[in-house]
Amino acid sequence: MLFAGFGGLKIFIEWLHDFREKKKRGKLTAELKAQYPKEKRGEIFQLIKSDAKPGYIYLLDFDISKKRHIASAVTFKALGFEPYMVDKLEPDKFNSIEEGDRILIE
C-alpha cells in the first residue's frame, strides 16, 4: 500500500512539472509573438539564414542590431513563421552581424 502511495505521488509530481513547463512555454510563446508579430516582419525584424551550409534560421532584431538563432523547427512554427518568410544572405554579410540570445520555446 505504501508503494502505491509513493507511485501516485511520483506520477503527480511529474504531471505537475509537465503542467508548469507547458504553461511556461505558452507564456514565452505569447511574449515572443507580441515582441515579433509576423505582420511586422521587415519593419522591426527580418528572418535570415546564410546562403552557406548549414543554413540555420535567425531572427534579425532591428532594435538591437543582432541576429537571434531560432533554435528549433518547433519554435519557428510556434511563432507562426513560414519558410517563405526567410531571406538568404551572402555568408560574409550574414557573418558580419553580431549574434544575440537564442530563441527556444520547447
Protein backbone atom coordinates (compact mmCIF):
# COMPACT_ATOMS: atom_id res chain seq x y z
CA MET A 1 0.00 0.00 0.00
CA LEU A 2 2.84 2.36 0.85
CA PHE A 3 4.47 1.77 -2.56
CA ALA A 4 1.23 2.65 -4.33
CA GLY A 5 1.18 5.93 -2.40
CA PHE A 6 4.74 6.75 -3.44
CA GLY A 7 3.98 5.76 -7.02
CA GLY A 8 0.95 8.03 -7.10
CA LEU A 9 2.97 10.87 -5.58
CA LYS A 10 5.69 10.41 -8.20
CA ILE A 11 3.13 10.50 -11.02
CA PHE A 12 1.52 13.62 -9.54
CA ILE A 13 4.89 15.39 -9.23
CA GLU A 14 5.76 14.53 -12.86
CA TRP A 15 2.35 15.74 -14.02
CA LEU A 16 2.75 18.99 -12.07
CA HIS A 17 6.21 19.53 -13.59
CA ASP A 18 4.85 18.93 -17.12
CA PHE A 19 1.92 21.27 -16.46
CA ARG A 20 4.24 24.04 -15.29
CA GLU A 21 6.53 23.55 -18.29
CA LYS A 22 3.60 23.76 -20.74
CA LYS A 23 2.35 26.90 -19.02
CA LYS A 24 5.84 28.43 -19.11
CA ARG A 25 6.21 27.60 -22.84
CA GLY A 26 2.78 29.06 -23.55
CA LYS A 27 3.67 32.30 -21.78
CA LEU A 28 7.02 32.53 -23.57
CA THR A 29 5.36 31.89 -26.93
CA ALA A 30 2.82 34.66 -26.29
CA GLU A 31 5.58 37.08 -25.24
CA LEU A 32 7.68 36.34 -28.33
CA LYS A 33 4.66 36.62 -30.65
CA ALA A 34 3.90 40.03 -29.11
CA GLN A 35 7.53 41.12 -29.44
CA TYR A 36 7.90 39.82 -33.01
CA PRO A 37 4.46 39.74 -34.67
CA LYS A 38 4.79 38.17 -38.11
CA GLU A 39 2.90 41.13 -39.58
CA LYS A 40 5.85 43.38 -38.58
CA ARG A 41 8.40 41.30 -40.50
CA GLY A 42 10.51 43.74 -42.48
CA GLU A 43 9.68 46.62 -40.11
CA ILE A 44 11.06 45.51 -36.74
CA PHE A 45 12.76 42.23 -37.64
CA GLN A 46 13.84 40.04 -40.54
CA LEU A 47 14.14 36.26 -40.74
CA ILE A 48 17.51 35.36 -42.24
CA LYS A 49 19.80 32.47 -42.98
CA SER A 50 23.20 32.16 -44.57
CA ASP A 51 23.46 31.08 -48.17
CA ALA A 52 26.17 28.67 -46.94
CA LYS A 53 25.65 25.44 -45.02
CA PRO A 54 24.16 24.63 -42.52
CA GLY A 55 21.70 27.48 -43.12
CA TYR A 56 20.25 27.83 -39.63
CA ILE A 57 17.42 30.35 -39.34
CA TYR A 58 17.91 33.54 -37.34
CA LEU A 59 15.73 36.47 -36.42
CA LEU A 60 17.49 39.79 -37.06
CA ASP A 61 16.15 42.24 -34.47
CA PHE A 62 16.45 45.74 -35.93
CA ASP A 63 16.21 47.37 -32.46
CA ILE A 64 19.34 45.72 -31.11
CA SER A 65 21.02 45.03 -34.49
CA LYS A 66 21.68 41.41 -33.53
CA LYS A 67 20.67 38.09 -35.02
CA ARG A 68 18.98 35.60 -32.70
CA HIS A 69 19.15 31.90 -33.55
CA ILE A 70 15.72 30.26 -33.73
CA ALA A 71 16.88 27.04 -32.14
CA SER A 72 14.25 24.58 -33.37
CA ALA A 73 11.64 23.99 -36.04
CA VAL A 74 9.02 23.70 -33.28
CA THR A 75 9.90 27.21 -32.07
CA PHE A 76 9.82 28.54 -35.65
CA LYS A 77 6.33 27.13 -36.23
CA ALA A 78 5.04 28.11 -32.76
CA LEU A 79 5.82 31.74 -33.59
CA GLY A 80 3.70 31.46 -36.74
CA PHE A 81 6.60 31.78 -39.17
CA GLU A 82 6.71 30.05 -42.56
CA PRO A 83 9.73 29.04 -44.69
CA TYR A 84 8.88 31.56 -47.42
CA MET A 85 9.46 34.38 -44.88
CA VAL A 86 13.20 33.61 -44.58
CA ASP A 87 15.67 35.68 -46.60
CA LYS A 88 19.05 34.28 -47.64
CA LEU A 89 22.11 36.43 -47.06
CA GLU A 90 25.59 36.15 -48.51
CA PRO A 91 27.86 34.40 -45.98
CA ASP A 92 30.07 37.48 -45.48
CA LYS A 93 27.10 39.74 -44.75
CA PHE A 94 25.47 37.10 -42.54
CA ASN A 95 28.66 36.51 -40.53
CA SER A 96 29.19 40.26 -40.02
CA ILE A 97 26.00 40.51 -37.91
CA GLU A 98 26.56 40.16 -34.17
CA GLU A 99 24.78 37.22 -32.55
CA GLY A 100 22.38 37.71 -29.63
CA ASP A 101 20.45 35.34 -27.39
CA ARG A 102 18.89 32.30 -28.99
CA ILE A 103 15.15 31.81 -29.20
CA LEU A 104 13.90 28.47 -27.89
CA ILE A 105 10.42 27.63 -26.67
CA GLU A 106 10.40 23.86 -26.36
